[in-house]
Amino acid sequence: MLLIVTNRTDLASDYLILKLKSREIPFIRLNTESLGYEYWVDLVLNKSSANFLITFSDGKRVRRNDITSVYFRQPNPPSLPNFLTEADREFAERESLELLRSLWRMIPKTKWLNHPVNLWRATNKIEQLSVASEIGFNIPITLVSSNKDSVASFIRSSQDRIVAKAIKHGFLSCNNEVWVAATRRLPPDYIDNFESFAQLPMTYQFEIDKIYDLRVVVIDKKVFTTAIHSQDYEETRIDWRVGDLQGLQLRHEIISLPKSLENKCKKIVKSFSLRYSSMDLVLGKDGKYYFLELNPNGQWAWIEQLVGHPIREAIIDALIYRNG
């Protein structure tokens, strides 16, 4: 049985499940925030064995040997009662998360499309850039710092414009809303007004003069590449994600990468012990492809819906046949 570890509102998991149902593939969905409400977990260990039992509110029972493969997609912390004090809530959340993390560790790594431990390591953007450079990707010249003098020197060293973005990711959740801290071009007076900005470390990069952005999805040996025509609108030239917020319909187009670049894409995914990852590249006006970042648990459904890449089928085949 295929185990889907996700949350109640993840649309990509919903979309994947539609295909699982059409192919009549048995699965069970585990919404992590519903621990203690929709399901309960027992971990049973003794001298000779280690096992677990997941009991669902509808009577379903899943044991360790029932699980053939696992798809892990953006789990949320377990929901907790509102009456808890802040200290009690912190304790309860920590204990509940540790129970789930222990459950993940009891499922053999060979059964996962991406094991959570590997996902955690692969989310570090700085290591991504370092590994990408070692593999042979072109990368933007980059500085990560909160030091005014270092940032000023970096800006002076560039003959082009500088963009700035968050070190980890540009998303902030607040009151059931998601805010995007988009990648932005630095204004000319940035250093003069440096103290007026939040004194946080940021990623600064030489801006690449783009032809378009690319979203590349790698699943085992399969590579699906889509050009995102971000330069069609002034608002999306730096960060194409802004188009979603402003209702702009960017053109998406299936393209093929040079074989050598496809191999590098597969190599960087494998170097982080992943079998699935999306990644962001750009094609510069200088004719070079540049690596920006990996999205090891990134969204993919919108790409399939817009251009028709058979990503769902590839994910399901990878889970069923585990042919990494």
Protein backbone atom coordinates (compact mmCIF):
# COMPACT_ATOMS: atom_id res chain seq x y z
CA MET A 1 0.00 0.00 0.00
CA LEU A 2 1.26 3.47 -0.95
CA LEU A 3 1.41 5.92 1.97
CA ILE A 4 0.79 9.62 1.21
CA VAL A 5 2.19 11.80 4.00
CA THR A 6 0.86 15.33 3.55
CA ASN A 7 -1.61 17.86 4.96
CA ARG A 8 -5.35 18.38 4.55
CA THR A 9 -5.11 21.18 1.99
CA ASP A 10 -2.22 20.17 -0.28
CA LEU A 11 -3.57 20.39 -3.82
CA ALA A 12 -0.66 18.49 -5.36
CA SER A 13 -1.47 15.48 -3.17
CA ASP A 14 -5.15 15.78 -4.13
CA TYR A 15 -4.12 15.83 -7.78
CA LEU A 16 -1.84 12.81 -7.37
CA ILE A 17 -4.57 10.88 -5.58
CA LEU A 18 -6.97 11.42 -8.47
CA LYS A 19 -4.52 9.56 -10.71
CA LEU A 20 -3.97 6.83 -8.10
CA LYS A 21 -7.72 6.24 -8.03
CA SER A 22 -7.97 6.14 -11.82
CA ARG A 23 -5.17 3.55 -11.89
CA GLU A 24 -6.82 1.63 -9.02
CA ILE A 25 -3.64 1.77 -6.93
CA PRO A 26 -4.29 1.25 -3.19
CA PHE A 27 -3.13 4.08 -0.95
CA ILE A 28 -3.68 5.62 2.45
CA ARG A 29 -3.48 9.35 3.15
CA LEU A 30 -1.87 10.56 6.38
CA ASN A 31 -2.60 14.23 7.10
CA THR A 32 0.01 15.02 9.71
CA GLU A 33 -1.95 17.79 11.45
CA SER A 34 -4.72 15.25 12.20
CA LEU A 35 -2.67 13.11 14.60
CA GLY A 36 -4.89 12.28 17.58
CA TYR A 37 -8.08 13.15 15.67
CA GLU A 38 -8.20 11.14 12.43
CA TYR A 39 -5.57 8.58 13.39
CA TRP A 40 -3.36 7.34 16.22
CA VAL A 41 0.15 5.87 16.10
CA ASP A 42 1.52 3.03 18.22
CA LEU A 43 5.24 2.26 18.09
CA VAL A 44 5.94 -1.23 19.42
CA LEU A 45 9.51 -2.31 20.16
CA ASN A 46 10.94 -5.33 21.92
CA LYS A 47 14.10 -7.42 21.93
CA SER A 48 13.35 -9.10 18.61
CA SER A 49 11.35 -6.59 16.55
CA ALA A 50 10.27 -3.01 15.92
CA ASN A 51 6.82 -2.36 14.49
CA PHE A 52 4.12 0.27 14.35
CA LEU A 53 0.37 0.43 14.00
CA ILE A 54 -1.56 3.37 12.55
CA THR A 55 -5.24 3.21 13.54
CA PHE A 56 -7.63 5.48 11.66
CA SER A 57 -10.93 6.80 12.97
CA ASP A 58 -12.80 4.91 10.24
CA GLY A 59 -11.36 1.60 11.46
CA LYS A 60 -8.51 1.19 8.97
CA ARG A 61 -5.32 -0.24 10.45
CA VAL A 62 -1.91 0.00 8.78
CA ARG A 63 1.20 -1.83 9.94
CA ARG A 64 4.82 -1.47 8.91
CA ASN A 65 4.75 -4.38 6.44
CA ASP A 66 1.61 -3.01 4.74
CA ILE A 67 3.51 -0.02 3.36
CA THR A 68 5.20 -0.54 0.01
CA SER A 69 6.25 3.07 -0.74
CA VAL A 70 5.93 6.58 0.68
CA TYR A 71 5.24 9.96 -0.90
CA PHE A 72 6.10 12.84 1.47
CA ARG A 73 4.66 16.25 0.59
CA GLN A 74 4.62 19.30 2.89
CA PRO A 75 3.40 17.89 6.22
CA ASN A 76 2.12 20.32 8.85
CA PRO A 77 2.60 20.18 12.63
CA PRO A 78 -0.15 18.31 14.50
CA SER A 79 -3.15 20.42 15.52
CA LEU A 80 -3.38 21.01 19.27
CA PRO A 81 -6.24 22.08 21.60
CA ASN A 82 -6.73 25.84 21.96
CA PHE A 83 -6.87 25.71 25.76
CA LEU A 84 -3.20 24.80 26.11
CA THR A 85 -0.84 27.36 27.60
CA GLU A 86 2.06 28.50 25.44
CA ALA A 87 4.50 26.31 27.38
CA ASP A 88 2.21 23.28 27.21
CA ARG A 89 1.62 23.83 23.50
CA GLU A 90 5.35 23.98 22.82
CA PHE A 91 5.88 20.74 24.76
CA ALA A 92 2.93 18.95 23.11
CA GLU A 93 3.96 20.00 19.60
CA ARG A 94 7.54 18.87 20.18
CA GLU A 95 6.42 15.47 21.48
CA SER A 96 3.90 14.95 18.67
CA LEU A 97 6.46 15.84 16.02
CA GLU A 98 8.97 13.48 17.58
CA LEU A 99 6.42 10.65 17.43
CA LEU A 100 5.93 11.27 13.70
CA ARG A 101 9.67 11.58 13.06
CA SER A 102 10.15 8.26 14.84
CA LEU A 103 7.49 6.76 12.61
CA TRP A 104 9.32 7.97 9.49
CA ARG A 105 12.53 6.37 10.76
CA MET A 106 10.82 3.00 11.14
CA ILE A 107 9.99 2.90 7.42
CA PRO A 108 13.01 1.72 5.37
CA LYS A 109 14.63 4.48 3.31
CA THR A 110 14.31 2.40 0.15
CA LYS A 111 10.52 2.82 0.29
CA TRP A 112 10.57 6.63 0.10
CA LEU A 113 10.56 8.77 -3.02
CA ASN A 114 12.39 11.35 -0.87
CA HIS A 115 13.23 10.51 2.73
CA PRO A 116 12.62 13.44 5.15
CA VAL A 117 16.25 13.39 6.31
CA ASN A 118 17.43 13.86 2.73
CA LEU A 119 14.85 16.57 2.14
CA TRP A 120 16.07 18.45 5.20
CA ARG A 121 19.65 18.44 3.98
CA ALA A 122 18.71 19.40 0.43
CA THR A 123 16.82 22.54 1.46
CA ASN A 124 19.97 24.52 2.25
CA LYS A 125 20.35 27.00 -0.62
CA ILE A 126 24.00 27.73 0.05
CA GLU A 127 24.99 24.07 -0.12
CA GLN A 128 22.90 23.76 -3.29
CA LEU A 129 24.90 26.51 -4.98
CA SER A 130 28.18 24.99 -3.79
CA VAL A 131 27.29 21.52 -5.06
CA ALA A 132 25.93 22.94 -8.33
CA SER A 133 29.21 24.75 -8.94
CA GLU A 134 31.19 21.57 -8.25
CA ILE A 135 29.02 19.65 -10.74
CA GLY A 136 29.68 22.25 -13.42
CA PHE A 137 26.60 24.49 -13.42
CA ASN A 138 26.99 28.18 -13.97
CA ILE A 139 25.77 30.01 -10.86
CA PRO A 140 25.22 33.72 -10.13
CA ILE A 141 28.04 35.42 -8.21
CA THR A 142 26.66 35.40 -4.66
CA LEU A 143 27.19 37.04 -1.28
CA VAL A 144 25.29 36.08 1.88
CA SER A 145 25.75 38.70 4.58
CA SER A 146 24.28 41.29 6.93
CA ASN A 147 27.47 43.35 7.02
CA LYS A 148 26.99 46.78 5.44
CA ASP A 149 30.62 47.14 4.35
CA SER A 150 30.64 43.70 2.72
CA VAL A 151 27.38 44.39 0.90
CA ALA A 152 28.62 47.79 -0.28
CA SER A 153 31.85 46.26 -1.58
CA PHE A 154 29.87 43.54 -3.36
CA ILE A 155 27.66 46.10 -5.07
CA ARG A 156 30.69 48.13 -6.20
CA SER A 157 32.31 45.00 -7.66
CA SER A 158 29.38 44.44 -10.01
CA GLN A 159 29.12 46.06 -13.42
CA ASP A 160 25.50 44.96 -13.48
CA ARG A 161 22.53 45.18 -11.14
CA ILE A 162 22.23 43.31 -7.84
CA VAL A 163 19.19 41.33 -6.67
CA ALA A 164 18.44 40.34 -3.09
CA LYS A 165 16.38 37.46 -1.70
CA ALA A 166 15.77 35.41 1.44
CA ILE A 167 18.44 32.89 2.44
CA LYS A 168 16.00 30.04 3.11
CA HIS A 169 12.79 30.76 1.19
CA GLY A 170 10.62 33.73 0.41
CA PHE A 171 7.37 32.56 1.98
CA LEU A 172 5.79 33.70 5.26
CA SER A 173 2.56 32.25 6.68
CA CYS A 174 0.39 34.44 8.89
CA ASN A 175 -3.28 34.01 9.87
CA ASN A 176 -3.95 31.46 7.12
CA GLU A 177 -2.39 33.76 4.52
CA VAL A 178 0.86 33.21 2.65
CA TRP A 179 3.10 36.17 1.91
CA VAL A 180 5.84 36.08 -0.70
CA ALA A 181 9.10 37.91 -0.05
CA ALA A 182 10.00 38.15 -3.71
CA THR A 183 13.47 38.45 -5.17
CA ARG A 184 14.03 42.17 -5.82
CA ARG A 185 16.53 44.40 -7.59
CA LEU A 186 18.32 46.66 -5.13
CA PRO A 187 17.46 50.36 -5.45
CA PRO A 188 20.37 52.73 -6.16
CA ASP A 189 20.22 54.20 -2.64
CA TYR A 190 20.13 50.83 -0.87
CA ILE A 191 23.43 51.25 0.97
CA ASP A 192 22.64 54.85 1.91
CA ASN A 193 19.50 53.59 3.64
CA PHE A 194 20.90 50.24 4.81
CA GLU A 195 20.04 50.83 8.48
CA SER A 196 16.37 51.39 7.62
CA PHE A 197 16.04 47.79 6.43
CA ALA A 198 15.70 44.84 8.80
CA GLN A 199 19.16 43.90 10.03
CA LEU A 200 18.97 40.36 8.72
CA PRO A 201 21.39 38.36 6.60
CA MET A 202 20.29 38.21 2.98
CA THR A 203 21.41 36.59 -0.24
CA TYR A 204 22.79 39.09 -2.75
CA GLN A 205 23.51 38.04 -6.35
CA PHE A 206 24.62 39.59 -9.60
CA GLU A 207 21.47 39.91 -11.67
CA ILE A 208 21.34 37.72 -14.77
CA ASP A 209 19.93 39.33 -17.88
CA LYS A 210 17.40 36.63 -18.78
CA ILE A 211 15.74 35.27 -21.87
CA TYR A 212 13.41 33.24 -19.65
CA ASP A 213 13.21 31.23 -16.44
CA LEU A 214 13.05 27.44 -16.39
CA ARG A 215 11.38 25.00 -14.04
CA VAL A 216 13.03 21.57 -14.29
CA VAL A 217 11.47 18.50 -12.67
CA VAL A 218 13.65 15.42 -12.20
CA ILE A 219 12.14 12.05 -11.25
CA ASP A 220 14.77 9.31 -11.24
CA LYS A 221 16.11 9.36 -14.82
CA LYS A 222 13.26 11.43 -16.27
CA VAL A 223 13.66 15.18 -16.81
CA PHE A 224 10.72 17.49 -17.57
CA THR A 225 11.65 21.06 -18.52
CA THR A 226 9.38 24.07 -18.89
CA ALA A 227 10.32 27.57 -20.02
CA ILE A 228 8.52 30.30 -18.09
CA HIS A 229 8.44 33.47 -20.17
CA SER A 230 9.01 35.81 -17.25
CA GLN A 231 10.28 38.66 -19.42
CA ASP A 232 6.87 39.19 -21.03
CA TYR A 233 5.84 41.44 -18.12
CA GLU A 234 7.81 44.12 -16.32
CA GLU A 235 6.45 42.88 -12.98
CA THR A 236 7.84 39.35 -13.40
CA ARG A 237 11.26 40.01 -14.88
CA ILE A 238 13.08 39.56 -11.56
CA ASP A 239 10.78 36.99 -9.87
CA TRP A 240 8.19 35.19 -11.98
CA ARG A 241 6.23 34.14 -8.86
CA VAL A 242 4.94 37.70 -8.60
CA GLY A 243 2.78 36.95 -11.63
CA ASP A 244 0.64 34.54 -9.60
CA LEU A 245 -0.04 37.23 -7.01
CA GLN A 246 -0.99 39.80 -9.64
CA GLY A 247 -3.08 37.49 -11.81
CA LEU A 248 -0.70 37.58 -14.76
CA GLN A 249 -0.86 34.58 -17.07
CA LEU A 250 2.75 33.87 -17.97
CA ARG A 251 3.44 31.78 -21.05
CA HIS A 252 4.76 28.30 -20.27
CA GLU A 253 6.43 26.16 -22.93
CA ILE A 254 7.85 22.64 -23.00
CA ILE A 255 11.49 22.72 -24.04
CA SER A 256 14.44 20.33 -24.10
CA LEU A 257 17.72 21.05 -22.36
CA PRO A 258 21.10 20.16 -23.84
CA LYS A 259 21.86 16.56 -22.87
CA SER A 260 24.91 17.58 -20.86
CA LEU A 261 22.78 19.98 -18.81
CA GLU A 262 20.08 17.34 -18.28
CA ASN A 263 22.76 15.05 -16.90
CA LYS A 264 23.88 17.76 -14.48
CA CYS A 265 20.28 18.18 -13.32
CA LYS A 266 20.01 14.45 -12.62
CA LYS A 267 23.41 14.45 -10.94
CA ILE A 268 22.63 17.23 -8.46
CA VAL A 269 19.35 15.56 -7.47
CA LYS A 270 21.15 12.27 -6.90
CA SER A 271 23.96 14.00 -4.98
CA PHE A 272 21.42 14.93 -2.30
CA SER A 273 20.10 11.32 -2.23
CA LEU A 274 16.79 12.42 -3.74
CA ARG A 275 14.71 10.76 -6.42
CA TYR A 276 12.43 13.75 -7.03
CA SER A 277 13.22 17.44 -7.14
CA SER A 278 12.15 20.49 -9.05
CA MET A 279 14.74 23.19 -9.66
CA ASP A 280 14.94 26.72 -10.99
CA LEU A 281 17.33 27.68 -13.79
CA VAL A 282 17.51 30.69 -16.08
CA LEU A 283 18.71 31.08 -19.64
CA GLY A 284 20.76 34.26 -19.87
CA LYS A 285 21.06 36.52 -22.89
CA ASP A 286 24.71 35.48 -22.97
CA GLY A 287 23.48 32.01 -24.06
CA LYS A 288 24.43 30.36 -20.75
CA TYR A 289 22.16 28.40 -18.41
CA TYR A 290 22.42 29.34 -14.73
CA PHE A 291 21.40 27.26 -11.71
CA LEU A 292 19.44 29.18 -9.07
CA GLU A 293 18.11 26.63 -6.58
CA LEU A 294 16.64 23.22 -5.87
CA ASN A 295 13.08 22.81 -4.62
CA PRO A 296 13.36 19.25 -3.27
CA ASN A 297 9.72 19.09 -2.23
CA GLY A 298 8.54 21.67 -4.73
CA GLN A 299 5.17 22.06 -6.39
CA TRP A 300 4.71 20.31 -9.73
CA ALA A 301 0.96 19.98 -10.40
CA TRP A 302 0.61 23.43 -12.02
CA ILE A 303 3.29 22.52 -14.56
CA GLU A 304 1.48 19.35 -15.61
CA GLN A 305 -1.83 21.20 -15.83
CA LEU A 306 -0.39 24.03 -17.94
CA VAL A 307 1.83 22.17 -20.40
CA GLY A 308 0.94 18.47 -20.08
CA HIS A 309 4.17 16.97 -18.75
CA PRO A 310 3.19 13.48 -17.40
CA ILE A 311 4.67 14.19 -13.97
CA ARG A 312 1.99 12.35 -11.97
CA GLU A 313 2.54 9.19 -13.96
CA ALA A 314 6.30 9.44 -13.44
CA ILE A 315 5.92 9.94 -9.67
CA ILE A 316 3.52 7.03 -9.35
CA ASP A 317 5.73 4.75 -11.47
CA ALA A 318 8.73 5.71 -9.33
CA LEU A 319 6.80 4.85 -6.18
CA ILE A 320 5.46 1.57 -7.51
CA TYR A 321 8.59 0.26 -9.18
CA ARG A 322 11.19 2.06 -7.02
CA ASN A 323 13.52 2.11 -10.02
CA GLY A 324 15.92 4.83 -8.88
